Amino acid sequence: MIGLPKAERPQQKSGFRIRNINTQKILTMEQIQILLEKSKDTPITEVL
């Protein structure tokens, strides 16, 4: 059996985790407002 490292480079231990957010897939506030306006009186907004 050959022992292999868990990571190629050592990671720093800190109290924080890093999240990678793809900004291409996130809606802008303007797009959210348009969706809310268009969805008024539809089943999706009746729950809200």
Protein backbone atom coordinates (compact mmCIF):
# COMPACT_ATOMS: atom_id res chain seq x y z
CA MET A 1 0.00 0.00 0.00
CA ILE A 2 1.30 3.45 -0.94
CA GLY A 3 0.44 6.44 1.24
CA LEU A 4 -0.75 9.44 -0.79
CA PRO A 5 -1.29 12.98 0.48
CA LYS A 6 -4.91 14.11 0.81
CA ALA A 7 -4.22 17.40 -0.99
CA GLU A 8 -1.55 18.49 -3.43
CA ARG A 9 -0.73 21.55 -1.35
CA PRO A 10 -1.41 22.05 2.33
CA GLN A 11 -4.49 24.11 3.07
CA GLN A 12 -4.42 26.76 5.75
CA LYS A 13 -6.66 26.05 8.69
CA SER A 14 -8.91 28.99 9.47
CA GLY A 15 -12.34 29.55 10.90
CA PHE A 16 -13.70 30.46 7.48
CA ARG A 17 -14.68 28.40 4.46
CA ILE A 18 -14.37 29.63 0.92
CA ARG A 19 -17.35 29.44 -1.42
CA ASN A 20 -16.94 29.87 -5.14
CA ILE A 21 -19.98 31.64 -6.60
CA ASN A 22 -20.52 31.66 -10.34
CA THR A 23 -21.76 35.19 -10.95
CA GLN A 24 -22.92 34.22 -14.45
CA LYS A 25 -25.71 32.10 -12.92
CA ILE A 26 -26.95 34.64 -10.35
CA LEU A 27 -29.92 36.91 -11.07
CA THR A 28 -29.56 40.64 -10.61
CA MET A 29 -31.94 42.54 -8.35
CA GLU A 30 -33.61 44.02 -11.43
CA GLN A 31 -34.20 40.54 -12.89
CA ILE A 32 -35.70 39.35 -9.59
CA GLN A 33 -38.04 42.34 -9.48
CA ILE A 34 -39.20 41.63 -13.04
CA LEU A 35 -39.85 37.97 -12.18
CA LEU A 36 -41.88 38.99 -9.11
CA GLU A 37 -43.93 41.48 -11.11
CA LYS A 38 -44.64 38.97 -13.90
CA SER A 39 -45.57 36.24 -11.42
CA LYS A 40 -48.21 38.24 -9.53
CA ASP A 41 -51.53 36.41 -9.26
CA THR A 42 -49.93 33.11 -10.23
CA PRO A 43 -49.75 29.99 -8.03
CA ILE A 44 -46.09 30.66 -7.24
CA THR A 45 -46.86 33.98 -5.47
CA GLU A 46 -49.95 32.70 -3.68
CA VAL A 47 -47.63 30.80 -1.35
CA LEU A 48 -45.69 33.98 -0.52
